[in-house]
Structures are given as C-alpha cells and as structure tokens.
Amino acid sequence: MADIAVVDYGMGNLHSVRKALEHVAPGASVVVTGDPAVIAGAGRVVFPGQGAAPDCMAEIDRYGLRQAILNASAGKPFLGICMGLQVLFQHSDEGDTPCLGLMAGNVKRFPDGAMRDGAGNKLKVPHMGWNNVRQTKAHPLWDGIEDGARFYFVHSYYALPADAGVTAGESDYPFAFTCAVARDNLFAVQFHPEKSAAAGLRLLKNFVSWDGKS
C-alpha cells in the first residue's frame, strides 16, 4: 500500500509533484497512479491538475476516477493543486463545465474589465508568477509558513466559494480571490507548491504529516 498516491488522469505536473513529495518525505512510498484501487489503498492522496476544466473532467471520467477521487476526498488527507482545486467546486465557467461538486460555489474567469493594477496598468491573464498569500484561517498546512509568503501561480480562473468559511488563503490579482480552501480532511490550493521553493516544500511537508484534522 502506498503512503501517498498522486492521481494520474493524464493532466498535471505529475513528475514535479512526485519529486517534491519524495524530497520532503524521503521515507514515504509515493506513487503516481490512475488505478482506483491504489488510490483507495493509499494513506493520503494528492490531486494535481493543469489545463482546461472541460478536458480535466472528461479525462477523470475517461480514466474512471471520479468515484475514487470522491471517496478519497471524504476519507483521508487530501490535497488538491491548481486545477485540482477548481474542479472540487460545482461548476466552472470555463467551457460551462459541471465539476465534482465537493464544495458549493463556482469557478470564474478573471474579468477583463477589472484587470488593472493600482496605477491603471493592464494586468495579464493568465495570472502567472509569484504572488503573496494571506492565511485567512489557521490550519496545520500553514505551520511554519510566514503569513504573506510568496507562492507560484499559473491560472486564468479562480474559485468563488459559496461558503466563505472554507477559504483558508487569499491572494490579490488585482482584487482578493480565494487561493486555498480547507474543510475537514481536504485542503486545496490554486498555486503550485511544487514550484514554490521553501514555502511550497514546507506546505507539502506539512501535508505528509497531517492527520486530516483541521
């Protein structure tokens, strides 16, 4: 049985995620897998993803992983990354896509008309690069990470939770948006911890020792 299963549905930065997990947990068994039985047997699950929401949901179903992901998110420490945060919600505006529905709320595109900084300069979409993250509520995965630490982002859409209480972190581009959510045994981030230097590695290290309780 694997200690950590990284869900493989054909999309996501799987190699970098696996290498980062192996770095912070050298004694752990980390497997990249699209096998529902392996995911079910793992001690904890990482659900990465990148690309477009319609393709992501189509591949999850093509690989037969929808139920495995739902089960894992309900019963063991579970970390979503990037698209692995967005598709936890009910719906994405990207391709008018129904998602997994684990959290109430929708995923919206950064609105062109609002994308200007304080000096009036136009901001690019996708939001790409390093940005500060405010920790909006205490959580074991923030342990040892300075509030306002910088993480690496690449995305054009952001989650808008129906329940503000699930928001665990926010960033600004140019307005405040949810970039981390937490509920029970589930934690998910819009940024890429595997690409976020010391702060990202600390978050992953916290995950591999987390008991799934907030």
N, C-alpha and C. Protein backbone atom coordinates (compact mmCIF):
# COMPACT_ATOMS: atom_id res chain seq x y z
N MET A 1 0.84 -1.20 0.00
CA MET A 1 0.00 0.00 0.00
C MET A 1 0.88 1.24 0.00
N ALA A 2 0.57 2.19 -0.87
CA ALA A 2 1.35 3.43 -0.96
C ALA A 2 1.02 4.35 0.20
N ASP A 3 2.03 5.07 0.64
CA ASP A 3 1.79 6.12 1.63
C ASP A 3 1.06 7.30 1.00
N ILE A 4 1.49 7.67 -0.21
CA ILE A 4 0.92 8.84 -0.90
C ILE A 4 0.64 8.46 -2.35
N ALA A 5 -0.60 8.66 -2.78
CA ALA A 5 -0.97 8.46 -4.18
C ALA A 5 -1.15 9.81 -4.85
N VAL A 6 -0.46 10.02 -5.97
CA VAL A 6 -0.64 11.21 -6.79
C VAL A 6 -1.54 10.79 -7.96
N VAL A 7 -2.72 11.39 -8.05
CA VAL A 7 -3.72 10.94 -9.01
C VAL A 7 -3.29 11.31 -10.43
N ASP A 8 -3.21 10.30 -11.29
CA ASP A 8 -2.82 10.48 -12.69
C ASP A 8 -4.03 10.26 -13.58
N TYR A 9 -4.53 11.35 -14.18
CA TYR A 9 -5.61 11.22 -15.16
C TYR A 9 -5.18 11.88 -16.46
N GLY A 10 -3.86 11.88 -16.68
CA GLY A 10 -3.32 12.36 -17.94
C GLY A 10 -3.09 13.86 -18.00
N MET A 11 -3.34 14.58 -16.90
CA MET A 11 -3.16 16.02 -16.88
C MET A 11 -2.54 16.43 -15.55
N GLY A 12 -1.54 17.27 -15.60
CA GLY A 12 -0.95 17.74 -14.35
C GLY A 12 0.56 17.60 -14.37
N ASN A 13 1.18 18.33 -13.48
CA ASN A 13 2.63 18.36 -13.39
C ASN A 13 3.08 17.22 -12.47
N LEU A 14 2.84 15.99 -12.90
CA LEU A 14 2.95 14.84 -12.01
C LEU A 14 4.38 14.58 -11.57
N HIS A 15 5.34 14.69 -12.49
CA HIS A 15 6.73 14.39 -12.15
C HIS A 15 7.24 15.35 -11.08
N SER A 16 6.97 16.65 -11.25
CA SER A 16 7.44 17.63 -10.28
C SER A 16 6.77 17.44 -8.93
N VAL A 17 5.49 17.11 -8.94
CA VAL A 17 4.78 16.87 -7.68
C VAL A 17 5.38 15.66 -6.96
N ARG A 18 5.59 14.59 -7.69
CA ARG A 18 6.15 13.38 -7.07
C ARG A 18 7.55 13.66 -6.51
N LYS A 19 8.38 14.33 -7.28
CA LYS A 19 9.74 14.61 -6.83
C LYS A 19 9.75 15.49 -5.58
N ALA A 20 8.85 16.46 -5.54
CA ALA A 20 8.78 17.34 -4.37
C ALA A 20 8.32 16.57 -3.14
N LEU A 21 7.37 15.67 -3.32
CA LEU A 21 6.90 14.85 -2.19
C LEU A 21 8.00 13.92 -1.71
N GLU A 22 8.72 13.32 -2.64
CA GLU A 22 9.83 12.44 -2.25
C GLU A 22 10.92 13.22 -1.52
N HIS A 23 11.10 14.47 -1.89
CA HIS A 23 12.11 15.30 -1.24
C HIS A 23 11.75 15.58 0.21
N VAL A 24 10.48 15.90 0.47
CA VAL A 24 10.08 16.25 1.83
C VAL A 24 9.76 15.02 2.68
N ALA A 25 9.54 13.89 2.04
CA ALA A 25 9.21 12.65 2.77
C ALA A 25 10.03 11.51 2.19
N PRO A 26 11.35 11.51 2.39
CA PRO A 26 12.21 10.52 1.73
C PRO A 26 11.93 9.08 2.13
N GLY A 27 11.28 8.86 3.26
CA GLY A 27 10.97 7.50 3.67
C GLY A 27 9.61 7.02 3.23
N ALA A 28 8.85 7.88 2.55
CA ALA A 28 7.49 7.54 2.15
C ALA A 28 7.45 6.88 0.77
N SER A 29 6.46 6.03 0.57
CA SER A 29 6.19 5.44 -0.73
C SER A 29 5.24 6.36 -1.50
N VAL A 30 5.74 6.99 -2.57
CA VAL A 30 4.94 7.91 -3.38
C VAL A 30 4.72 7.28 -4.74
N VAL A 31 3.47 7.11 -5.14
CA VAL A 31 3.18 6.52 -6.44
C VAL A 31 2.30 7.46 -7.25
N VAL A 32 2.59 7.56 -8.54
CA VAL A 32 1.73 8.27 -9.49
C VAL A 32 0.85 7.20 -10.13
N THR A 33 -0.46 7.33 -9.99
CA THR A 33 -1.33 6.22 -10.38
C THR A 33 -2.69 6.69 -10.90
N GLY A 34 -3.20 5.95 -11.86
CA GLY A 34 -4.55 6.11 -12.32
C GLY A 34 -5.42 4.92 -11.97
N ASP A 35 -4.95 4.11 -11.02
CA ASP A 35 -5.66 2.90 -10.60
C ASP A 35 -6.53 3.22 -9.39
N PRO A 36 -7.85 3.13 -9.50
CA PRO A 36 -8.72 3.45 -8.37
C PRO A 36 -8.41 2.63 -7.13
N ALA A 37 -8.00 1.38 -7.30
CA ALA A 37 -7.70 0.53 -6.15
C ALA A 37 -6.47 1.02 -5.39
N VAL A 38 -5.47 1.49 -6.12
CA VAL A 38 -4.27 2.02 -5.48
C VAL A 38 -4.59 3.32 -4.74
N ILE A 39 -5.41 4.16 -5.36
CA ILE A 39 -5.83 5.41 -4.71
C ILE A 39 -6.61 5.10 -3.44
N ALA A 40 -7.49 4.10 -3.51
CA ALA A 40 -8.29 3.73 -2.34
C ALA A 40 -7.43 3.19 -1.21
N GLY A 41 -6.33 2.54 -1.55
CA GLY A 41 -5.48 1.94 -0.53
C GLY A 41 -4.42 2.85 0.03
N ALA A 42 -4.21 4.01 -0.59
CA ALA A 42 -3.15 4.92 -0.16
C ALA A 42 -3.52 5.61 1.16
N GLY A 43 -2.49 5.97 1.91
CA GLY A 43 -2.73 6.65 3.17
C GLY A 43 -3.19 8.08 3.00
N ARG A 44 -2.73 8.72 1.94
CA ARG A 44 -3.14 10.09 1.63
C ARG A 44 -3.06 10.29 0.13
N VAL A 45 -3.78 11.32 -0.36
CA VAL A 45 -3.94 11.49 -1.81
C VAL A 45 -3.66 12.93 -2.19
N VAL A 46 -2.89 13.09 -3.29
CA VAL A 46 -2.65 14.40 -3.90
C VAL A 46 -3.32 14.40 -5.27
N PHE A 47 -4.10 15.44 -5.52
CA PHE A 47 -4.90 15.56 -6.74
C PHE A 47 -4.45 16.80 -7.50
N PRO A 48 -3.42 16.67 -8.36
CA PRO A 48 -2.94 17.82 -9.12
C PRO A 48 -3.71 17.98 -10.42
N GLY A 49 -3.40 19.04 -11.14
CA GLY A 49 -4.03 19.21 -12.44
C GLY A 49 -3.64 20.53 -13.06
N GLN A 50 -3.64 20.56 -14.37
CA GLN A 50 -3.44 21.81 -15.11
C GLN A 50 -4.13 21.65 -16.45
N GLY A 51 -4.32 22.78 -17.12
CA GLY A 51 -5.05 22.74 -18.37
C GLY A 51 -6.45 23.30 -18.21
N ALA A 52 -7.37 22.83 -19.03
CA ALA A 52 -8.72 23.37 -19.07
C ALA A 52 -9.70 22.47 -18.32
N ALA A 53 -10.68 23.09 -17.67
CA ALA A 53 -11.65 22.34 -16.88
C ALA A 53 -12.42 21.29 -17.69
N PRO A 54 -12.91 21.60 -18.91
CA PRO A 54 -13.64 20.57 -19.66
C PRO A 54 -12.78 19.33 -19.92
N ASP A 55 -11.51 19.54 -20.30
CA ASP A 55 -10.62 18.41 -20.55
C ASP A 55 -10.36 17.64 -19.27
N CYS A 56 -10.17 18.36 -18.18
CA CYS A 56 -9.90 17.72 -16.89
C CYS A 56 -11.04 16.79 -16.50
N MET A 57 -12.26 17.29 -16.54
CA MET A 57 -13.40 16.47 -16.14
C MET A 57 -13.61 15.30 -17.11
N ALA A 58 -13.38 15.53 -18.40
CA ALA A 58 -13.52 14.45 -19.38
C ALA A 58 -12.51 13.35 -19.12
N GLU A 59 -11.27 13.72 -18.78
CA GLU A 59 -10.24 12.72 -18.55
C GLU A 59 -10.48 11.97 -17.23
N ILE A 60 -10.96 12.66 -16.22
CA ILE A 60 -11.30 11.99 -14.96
C ILE A 60 -12.31 10.88 -15.23
N ASP A 61 -13.31 11.18 -16.03
CA ASP A 61 -14.33 10.16 -16.33
C ASP A 61 -13.79 9.10 -17.28
N ARG A 62 -12.95 9.49 -18.23
CA ARG A 62 -12.39 8.51 -19.16
C ARG A 62 -11.51 7.50 -18.43
N TYR A 63 -10.79 7.96 -17.42
CA TYR A 63 -9.94 7.08 -16.62
C TYR A 63 -10.74 6.33 -15.55
N GLY A 64 -12.03 6.66 -15.39
CA GLY A 64 -12.86 6.00 -14.39
C GLY A 64 -12.47 6.36 -12.96
N LEU A 65 -12.07 7.63 -12.76
CA LEU A 65 -11.53 8.04 -11.47
C LEU A 65 -12.45 8.91 -10.64
N ARG A 66 -13.61 9.25 -11.15
CA ARG A 66 -14.50 10.17 -10.42
C ARG A 66 -14.80 9.64 -9.01
N GLN A 67 -15.26 8.41 -8.91
CA GLN A 67 -15.65 7.88 -7.60
C GLN A 67 -14.45 7.71 -6.68
N ALA A 68 -13.32 7.34 -7.24
CA ALA A 68 -12.10 7.19 -6.43
C ALA A 68 -11.70 8.53 -5.82
N ILE A 69 -11.82 9.59 -6.60
CA ILE A 69 -11.48 10.93 -6.09
C ILE A 69 -12.48 11.36 -5.03
N LEU A 70 -13.76 11.14 -5.28
CA LEU A 70 -14.78 11.49 -4.30
C LEU A 70 -14.58 10.74 -2.99
N ASN A 71 -14.28 9.45 -3.09
CA ASN A 71 -14.07 8.65 -1.89
C ASN A 71 -12.83 9.12 -1.12
N ALA A 72 -11.76 9.38 -1.84
CA ALA A 72 -10.52 9.82 -1.18
C ALA A 72 -10.71 11.15 -0.49
N SER A 73 -11.45 12.05 -1.12
CA SER A 73 -11.64 13.38 -0.55
C SER A 73 -12.50 13.34 0.70
N ALA A 74 -13.21 12.26 0.90
CA ALA A 74 -14.09 12.14 2.06
C ALA A 74 -13.47 11.36 3.21
N GLY A 75 -12.36 10.64 2.94
CA GLY A 75 -11.93 9.70 3.96
C GLY A 75 -10.48 9.70 4.37
N LYS A 76 -9.63 10.59 3.77
CA LYS A 76 -8.21 10.57 4.12
C LYS A 76 -7.61 11.94 3.81
N PRO A 77 -6.42 12.25 4.32
CA PRO A 77 -5.81 13.54 3.98
C PRO A 77 -5.71 13.70 2.47
N PHE A 78 -6.23 14.81 1.98
CA PHE A 78 -6.41 15.02 0.54
C PHE A 78 -5.94 16.42 0.20
N LEU A 79 -5.04 16.53 -0.78
CA LEU A 79 -4.51 17.82 -1.20
C LEU A 79 -4.78 18.03 -2.67
N GLY A 80 -5.54 19.08 -3.02
CA GLY A 80 -5.77 19.46 -4.40
C GLY A 80 -4.82 20.58 -4.80
N ILE A 81 -4.33 20.54 -6.04
CA ILE A 81 -3.38 21.54 -6.54
C ILE A 81 -3.86 22.09 -7.87
N CYS A 82 -3.97 23.41 -7.98
CA CYS A 82 -4.30 24.14 -9.20
C CYS A 82 -5.67 23.70 -9.75
N MET A 83 -5.72 23.03 -10.90
CA MET A 83 -7.00 22.53 -11.38
C MET A 83 -7.62 21.55 -10.39
N GLY A 84 -6.78 20.93 -9.59
CA GLY A 84 -7.26 20.04 -8.53
C GLY A 84 -7.97 20.77 -7.40
N LEU A 85 -7.89 22.08 -7.36
CA LEU A 85 -8.77 22.89 -6.51
C LEU A 85 -10.05 23.24 -7.28
N GLN A 86 -9.90 23.75 -8.49
CA GLN A 86 -11.05 24.29 -9.21
C GLN A 86 -12.16 23.26 -9.42
N VAL A 87 -11.80 22.04 -9.80
CA VAL A 87 -12.84 21.07 -10.12
C VAL A 87 -13.47 20.44 -8.88
N LEU A 88 -13.03 20.84 -7.69
CA LEU A 88 -13.74 20.42 -6.48
C LEU A 88 -15.08 21.13 -6.35
N PHE A 89 -15.24 22.25 -7.06
CA PHE A 89 -16.45 23.05 -6.93
C PHE A 89 -17.55 22.53 -7.86
N GLN A 90 -18.68 23.19 -7.83
CA GLN A 90 -19.85 22.69 -8.57
C GLN A 90 -19.76 22.93 -10.07
N HIS A 91 -19.19 24.05 -10.45
CA HIS A 91 -19.27 24.45 -11.85
C HIS A 91 -18.11 25.37 -12.18
N SER A 92 -17.59 25.25 -13.40
CA SER A 92 -16.59 26.18 -13.91
C SER A 92 -17.14 26.89 -15.13
N ASP A 93 -16.93 28.20 -15.18
CA ASP A 93 -17.31 28.96 -16.37
C ASP A 93 -16.47 28.57 -17.58
N GLU A 94 -15.35 27.93 -17.35
CA GLU A 94 -14.50 27.50 -18.45
C GLU A 94 -15.19 26.35 -19.18
N GLY A 95 -15.73 26.64 -20.33
CA GLY A 95 -16.44 25.62 -21.10
C GLY A 95 -17.78 25.24 -20.51
N ASP A 96 -18.31 26.07 -19.59
CA ASP A 96 -19.60 25.78 -18.95
C ASP A 96 -19.62 24.34 -18.42
N THR A 97 -18.67 24.04 -17.53
CA THR A 97 -18.36 22.67 -17.15
C THR A 97 -18.88 22.29 -15.77
N PRO A 98 -19.76 21.29 -15.65
CA PRO A 98 -20.11 20.75 -14.33
C PRO A 98 -18.88 20.04 -13.76
N CYS A 99 -18.59 20.31 -12.47
CA CYS A 99 -17.40 19.74 -11.86
C CYS A 99 -17.79 18.72 -10.79
N LEU A 100 -16.92 18.44 -9.85
CA LEU A 100 -17.14 17.34 -8.90
C LEU A 100 -18.16 17.66 -7.82
N GLY A 101 -18.38 18.94 -7.53
CA GLY A 101 -19.41 19.33 -6.58
C GLY A 101 -19.10 19.01 -5.13
N LEU A 102 -17.83 18.87 -4.79
CA LEU A 102 -17.47 18.62 -3.40
C LEU A 102 -17.60 19.86 -2.53
N MET A 103 -17.52 21.02 -3.15
CA MET A 103 -17.69 22.28 -2.44
C MET A 103 -18.69 23.14 -3.20
N ALA A 104 -19.53 23.85 -2.46
CA ALA A 104 -20.50 24.74 -3.09
C ALA A 104 -19.79 25.97 -3.62
N GLY A 105 -20.12 26.34 -4.85
CA GLY A 105 -19.53 27.52 -5.44
C GLY A 105 -19.12 27.28 -6.88
N ASN A 106 -18.64 28.32 -7.51
CA ASN A 106 -18.31 28.28 -8.94
C ASN A 106 -16.90 28.78 -9.19
N VAL A 107 -16.42 28.52 -10.38
CA VAL A 107 -15.10 28.96 -10.80
C VAL A 107 -15.29 29.98 -11.92
N LYS A 108 -14.71 31.17 -11.73
CA LYS A 108 -14.91 32.29 -12.63
C LYS A 108 -13.61 32.68 -13.31
N ARG A 109 -13.73 33.27 -14.50
CA ARG A 109 -12.55 33.80 -15.18
C ARG A 109 -12.24 35.19 -14.67
N PHE A 110 -10.95 35.52 -14.57
CA PHE A 110 -10.59 36.88 -14.23
C PHE A 110 -11.24 37.82 -15.25
N PRO A 111 -12.04 38.79 -14.80
CA PRO A 111 -12.79 39.65 -15.74
C PRO A 111 -11.89 40.69 -16.39
N ASP A 112 -11.90 40.75 -17.71
CA ASP A 112 -11.01 41.64 -18.45
C ASP A 112 -11.12 43.10 -17.97
N GLY A 113 -12.34 43.55 -17.71
CA GLY A 113 -12.54 44.94 -17.35
C GLY A 113 -11.95 45.34 -16.01
N ALA A 114 -11.70 44.36 -15.15
CA ALA A 114 -11.19 44.66 -13.80
C ALA A 114 -9.70 44.45 -13.67
N MET A 115 -9.04 44.04 -14.74
CA MET A 115 -7.65 43.61 -14.64
C MET A 115 -6.68 44.77 -14.82
N ARG A 116 -6.68 45.67 -13.83
CA ARG A 116 -5.74 46.79 -13.81
C ARG A 116 -5.19 46.95 -12.40
N ASP A 117 -3.91 47.29 -12.33
CA ASP A 117 -3.30 47.49 -11.03
C ASP A 117 -3.61 48.88 -10.49
N GLY A 118 -3.05 49.22 -9.33
CA GLY A 118 -3.36 50.50 -8.70
C GLY A 118 -2.97 51.70 -9.52
N ALA A 119 -2.02 51.54 -10.44
CA ALA A 119 -1.58 52.64 -11.30
C ALA A 119 -2.35 52.68 -12.63
N GLY A 120 -3.31 51.76 -12.79
CA GLY A 120 -4.10 51.72 -14.01
C GLY A 120 -3.50 50.88 -15.12
N ASN A 121 -2.39 50.21 -14.85
CA ASN A 121 -1.77 49.37 -15.86
C ASN A 121 -2.53 48.06 -16.02
N LYS A 122 -2.68 47.62 -17.26
CA LYS A 122 -3.43 46.39 -17.53
C LYS A 122 -2.65 45.17 -17.06
N LEU A 123 -3.33 44.29 -16.36
CA LEU A 123 -2.72 43.04 -15.89
C LEU A 123 -3.02 41.92 -16.88
N LYS A 124 -2.07 41.03 -17.05
CA LYS A 124 -2.22 39.93 -18.00
C LYS A 124 -3.03 38.78 -17.39
N VAL A 125 -3.76 38.13 -18.25
CA VAL A 125 -4.41 36.87 -17.92
C VAL A 125 -3.90 35.85 -18.93
N PRO A 126 -3.32 34.73 -18.49
CA PRO A 126 -3.38 34.19 -17.13
C PRO A 126 -2.52 34.94 -16.12
N HIS A 127 -2.95 34.84 -14.87
CA HIS A 127 -2.16 35.29 -13.73
C HIS A 127 -1.00 34.30 -13.62
N MET A 128 0.21 34.79 -13.86
CA MET A 128 1.35 33.88 -13.90
C MET A 128 2.52 34.50 -13.15
N GLY A 129 3.04 33.74 -12.19
CA GLY A 129 4.21 34.20 -11.45
C GLY A 129 4.00 34.14 -9.95
N TRP A 130 4.90 34.79 -9.22
CA TRP A 130 4.90 34.74 -7.77
C TRP A 130 3.95 35.77 -7.19
N ASN A 131 3.21 35.36 -6.15
CA ASN A 131 2.29 36.29 -5.50
C ASN A 131 2.17 35.92 -4.03
N ASN A 132 1.88 36.95 -3.22
CA ASN A 132 1.75 36.75 -1.78
C ASN A 132 0.43 36.07 -1.45
N VAL A 133 0.45 35.25 -0.41
CA VAL A 133 -0.74 34.55 0.05
C VAL A 133 -1.01 34.92 1.52
N ARG A 134 -2.20 35.44 1.76
CA ARG A 134 -2.65 35.73 3.13
C ARG A 134 -3.34 34.51 3.69
N GLN A 135 -2.95 34.10 4.85
CA GLN A 135 -3.58 32.96 5.52
C GLN A 135 -4.81 33.48 6.27
N THR A 136 -5.99 33.15 5.78
CA THR A 136 -7.21 33.72 6.34
C THR A 136 -7.76 32.92 7.51
N LYS A 137 -7.25 31.71 7.70
CA LYS A 137 -7.58 30.98 8.92
C LYS A 137 -6.44 30.01 9.23
N ALA A 138 -6.30 29.71 10.50
CA ALA A 138 -5.23 28.81 10.92
C ALA A 138 -5.50 27.40 10.40
N HIS A 139 -4.41 26.72 10.03
CA HIS A 139 -4.54 25.35 9.55
C HIS A 139 -3.18 24.67 9.69
N PRO A 140 -3.16 23.36 9.98
CA PRO A 140 -1.87 22.67 10.10
C PRO A 140 -0.98 22.77 8.86
N LEU A 141 -1.56 22.92 7.68
CA LEU A 141 -0.72 23.01 6.48
C LEU A 141 -0.01 24.35 6.35
N TRP A 142 -0.43 25.36 7.13
CA TRP A 142 0.28 26.64 7.16
C TRP A 142 1.40 26.65 8.21
N ASP A 143 1.54 25.59 8.96
CA ASP A 143 2.52 25.58 10.04
C ASP A 143 3.93 25.90 9.52
N GLY A 144 4.59 26.87 10.14
CA GLY A 144 5.95 27.22 9.76
C GLY A 144 6.07 28.05 8.50
N ILE A 145 4.94 28.46 7.91
CA ILE A 145 4.95 29.29 6.70
C ILE A 145 4.51 30.70 7.08
N GLU A 146 5.33 31.66 6.78
CA GLU A 146 5.04 33.05 7.14
C GLU A 146 3.79 33.53 6.43
N ASP A 147 2.91 34.21 7.16
CA ASP A 147 1.74 34.83 6.53
C ASP A 147 2.23 35.85 5.51
N GLY A 148 1.70 35.78 4.30
CA GLY A 148 2.16 36.65 3.22
C GLY A 148 3.27 36.05 2.39
N ALA A 149 3.64 34.80 2.68
CA ALA A 149 4.68 34.14 1.88
C ALA A 149 4.27 34.08 0.42
N ARG A 150 5.26 34.03 -0.46
CA ARG A 150 5.01 34.03 -1.90
C ARG A 150 4.97 32.61 -2.45
N PHE A 151 3.99 32.38 -3.31
CA PHE A 151 3.83 31.10 -3.99
C PHE A 151 3.69 31.35 -5.49
N TYR A 152 3.87 30.29 -6.28
CA TYR A 152 3.87 30.42 -7.74
C TYR A 152 2.50 30.03 -8.32
N PHE A 153 1.95 30.93 -9.14
CA PHE A 153 0.62 30.75 -9.73
C PHE A 153 0.71 30.68 -11.26
N VAL A 154 -0.19 29.90 -11.85
CA VAL A 154 -0.44 29.93 -13.30
C VAL A 154 -1.91 29.59 -13.50
N HIS A 155 -2.76 30.60 -13.73
CA HIS A 155 -4.19 30.32 -13.91
C HIS A 155 -4.92 31.53 -14.46
N SER A 156 -6.03 31.25 -15.14
CA SER A 156 -6.91 32.28 -15.69
C SER A 156 -8.26 32.32 -14.98
N TYR A 157 -8.53 31.31 -14.17
CA TYR A 157 -9.81 31.18 -13.46
C TYR A 157 -9.53 31.05 -11.97
N TYR A 158 -10.52 31.43 -11.16
CA TYR A 158 -10.37 31.36 -9.71
C TYR A 158 -11.68 30.88 -9.09
N ALA A 159 -11.56 30.25 -7.95
CA ALA A 159 -12.75 29.72 -7.27
C ALA A 159 -13.45 30.80 -6.47
N LEU A 160 -14.77 30.74 -6.49
CA LEU A 160 -15.61 31.65 -5.72
C LEU A 160 -16.51 30.79 -4.83
N PRO A 161 -16.05 30.43 -3.62
CA PRO A 161 -16.84 29.54 -2.76
C PRO A 161 -18.14 30.18 -2.32
N ALA A 162 -19.19 29.39 -2.23
CA ALA A 162 -20.46 29.88 -1.70
C ALA A 162 -20.36 30.11 -0.20
N ASP A 163 -19.53 29.34 0.47
CA ASP A 163 -19.31 29.47 1.91
C ASP A 163 -17.93 30.06 2.13
N ALA A 164 -17.88 31.32 2.56
CA ALA A 164 -16.59 31.97 2.78
C ALA A 164 -15.79 31.27 3.87
N GLY A 165 -16.43 30.48 4.70
CA GLY A 165 -15.75 29.80 5.78
C GLY A 165 -14.77 28.74 5.33
N VAL A 166 -14.85 28.29 4.08
CA VAL A 166 -13.90 27.28 3.61
C VAL A 166 -12.60 27.92 3.11
N THR A 167 -12.60 29.24 2.92
CA THR A 167 -11.40 29.91 2.43
C THR A 167 -10.32 29.89 3.49
N ALA A 168 -9.15 29.37 3.13
CA ALA A 168 -8.03 29.32 4.06
C ALA A 168 -6.90 30.26 3.65
N GLY A 169 -6.95 30.77 2.41
CA GLY A 169 -5.93 31.67 1.93
C GLY A 169 -6.45 32.53 0.80
N GLU A 170 -5.93 33.75 0.71
CA GLU A 170 -6.31 34.67 -0.35
C GLU A 170 -5.06 35.28 -0.96
N SER A 171 -5.18 35.67 -2.22
CA SER A 171 -4.16 36.45 -2.89
C SER A 171 -4.86 37.58 -3.64
N ASP A 172 -4.10 38.51 -4.19
CA ASP A 172 -4.68 39.66 -4.89
C ASP A 172 -4.22 39.69 -6.33
N TYR A 173 -5.18 39.81 -7.27
CA TYR A 173 -4.83 39.98 -8.70
C TYR A 173 -6.03 40.53 -9.45
N PRO A 174 -6.29 41.80 -9.51
CA PRO A 174 -5.84 42.81 -8.57
C PRO A 174 -6.70 42.81 -7.30
N PHE A 175 -7.87 42.15 -7.38
CA PHE A 175 -8.77 42.04 -6.23
C PHE A 175 -8.45 40.76 -5.46
N ALA A 176 -8.96 40.68 -4.25
CA ALA A 176 -8.73 39.48 -3.44
C ALA A 176 -9.51 38.30 -4.01
N PHE A 177 -8.85 37.16 -4.13
CA PHE A 177 -9.54 35.94 -4.56
C PHE A 177 -9.07 34.77 -3.69
N THR A 178 -9.92 33.78 -3.57
CA THR A 178 -9.60 32.59 -2.79
C THR A 178 -8.54 31.77 -3.51
N CYS A 179 -7.45 31.48 -2.81
CA CYS A 179 -6.39 30.66 -3.42
C CYS A 179 -6.08 29.42 -2.59
N ALA A 180 -6.80 29.23 -1.48
CA ALA A 180 -6.68 28.00 -0.70
C ALA A 180 -8.00 27.76 0.02
N VAL A 181 -8.42 26.51 0.04
CA VAL A 181 -9.64 26.14 0.75
C VAL A 181 -9.35 24.96 1.67
N ALA A 182 -10.10 24.89 2.75
CA ALA A 182 -9.90 23.81 3.72
C ALA A 182 -11.24 23.44 4.34
N ARG A 183 -11.47 22.14 4.42
CA ARG A 183 -12.64 21.61 5.11
C ARG A 183 -12.34 20.18 5.52
N ASP A 184 -12.45 19.93 6.83
CA ASP A 184 -12.22 18.58 7.35
C ASP A 184 -10.86 18.05 6.86
N ASN A 185 -10.86 16.92 6.16
CA ASN A 185 -9.61 16.28 5.71
C ASN A 185 -9.13 16.77 4.35
N LEU A 186 -9.76 17.81 3.83
CA LEU A 186 -9.46 18.30 2.48
C LEU A 186 -8.81 19.67 2.55
N PHE A 187 -7.72 19.83 1.81
CA PHE A 187 -7.05 21.12 1.65
C PHE A 187 -6.68 21.24 0.18
N ALA A 188 -6.91 22.40 -0.40
CA ALA A 188 -6.60 22.57 -1.82
C ALA A 188 -6.10 23.98 -2.07
N VAL A 189 -5.18 24.10 -3.02
CA VAL A 189 -4.55 25.39 -3.31
C VAL A 189 -4.57 25.67 -4.80
N GLN A 190 -4.72 26.95 -5.15
CA GLN A 190 -4.67 27.35 -6.55
C GLN A 190 -3.24 27.41 -7.06
N PHE A 191 -2.31 27.75 -6.19
CA PHE A 191 -0.90 27.87 -6.58
C PHE A 191 -0.25 26.50 -6.66
N HIS A 192 1.01 26.49 -7.09
CA HIS A 192 1.76 25.24 -7.25
C HIS A 192 2.81 25.13 -6.14
N PRO A 193 2.55 24.38 -5.08
CA PRO A 193 3.57 24.26 -4.04
C PRO A 193 4.85 23.60 -4.54
N GLU A 194 4.73 22.70 -5.50
CA GLU A 194 5.91 22.00 -6.02
C GLU A 194 6.83 22.93 -6.81
N LYS A 195 6.36 24.14 -7.13
CA LYS A 195 7.17 25.13 -7.84
C LYS A 195 7.44 26.36 -6.99
N SER A 196 7.14 26.28 -5.69
CA SER A 196 7.13 27.47 -4.84
C SER A 196 8.24 27.49 -3.80
N ALA A 197 9.38 26.90 -4.13
CA ALA A 197 10.59 26.99 -3.29
C ALA A 197 10.29 26.56 -1.86
N ALA A 198 10.90 27.23 -0.88
CA ALA A 198 10.87 26.76 0.50
C ALA A 198 9.46 26.73 1.07
N ALA A 199 8.65 27.76 0.78
CA ALA A 199 7.30 27.80 1.32
C ALA A 199 6.45 26.65 0.78
N GLY A 200 6.60 26.36 -0.51
CA GLY A 200 5.84 25.26 -1.10
C GLY A 200 6.27 23.91 -0.56
N LEU A 201 7.57 23.72 -0.40
CA LEU A 201 8.05 22.46 0.17
C LEU A 201 7.58 22.30 1.60
N ARG A 202 7.53 23.39 2.36
CA ARG A 202 7.05 23.29 3.74
C ARG A 202 5.58 22.89 3.78
N LEU A 203 4.78 23.43 2.86
CA LEU A 203 3.37 23.05 2.81
C LEU A 203 3.24 21.55 2.50
N LEU A 204 4.02 21.06 1.56
CA LEU A 204 3.97 19.63 1.23
C LEU A 204 4.46 18.78 2.41
N LYS A 205 5.49 19.24 3.10
CA LYS A 205 5.98 18.53 4.28
C LYS A 205 4.90 18.47 5.36
N ASN A 206 4.20 19.59 5.53
CA ASN A 206 3.10 19.60 6.49
C ASN A 206 2.01 18.60 6.10
N PHE A 207 1.75 18.53 4.79
CA PHE A 207 0.71 17.60 4.32
C PHE A 207 1.06 16.15 4.63
N VAL A 208 2.30 15.76 4.43
CA VAL A 208 2.64 14.35 4.58
C VAL A 208 2.65 13.92 6.05
N SER A 209 2.59 14.87 6.97
CA SER A 209 2.49 14.50 8.39
C SER A 209 1.13 14.87 8.99
N TRP A 210 0.24 15.39 8.16
CA TRP A 210 -1.08 15.86 8.62
C TRP A 210 -2.00 14.67 8.87
N ASP A 211 -2.75 14.74 9.97
CA ASP A 211 -3.68 13.65 10.30
C ASP A 211 -5.06 13.85 9.68
N GLY A 212 -5.23 14.89 8.89
CA GLY A 212 -6.52 15.12 8.23
C GLY A 212 -7.52 15.86 9.08
N LYS A 213 -7.07 16.44 10.16
CA LYS A 213 -7.96 17.21 11.04
C LYS A 213 -7.49 18.65 11.07
N SER A 214 -8.45 19.56 10.99
CA SER A 214 -8.12 20.98 10.98
C SER A 214 -8.31 21.60 12.35
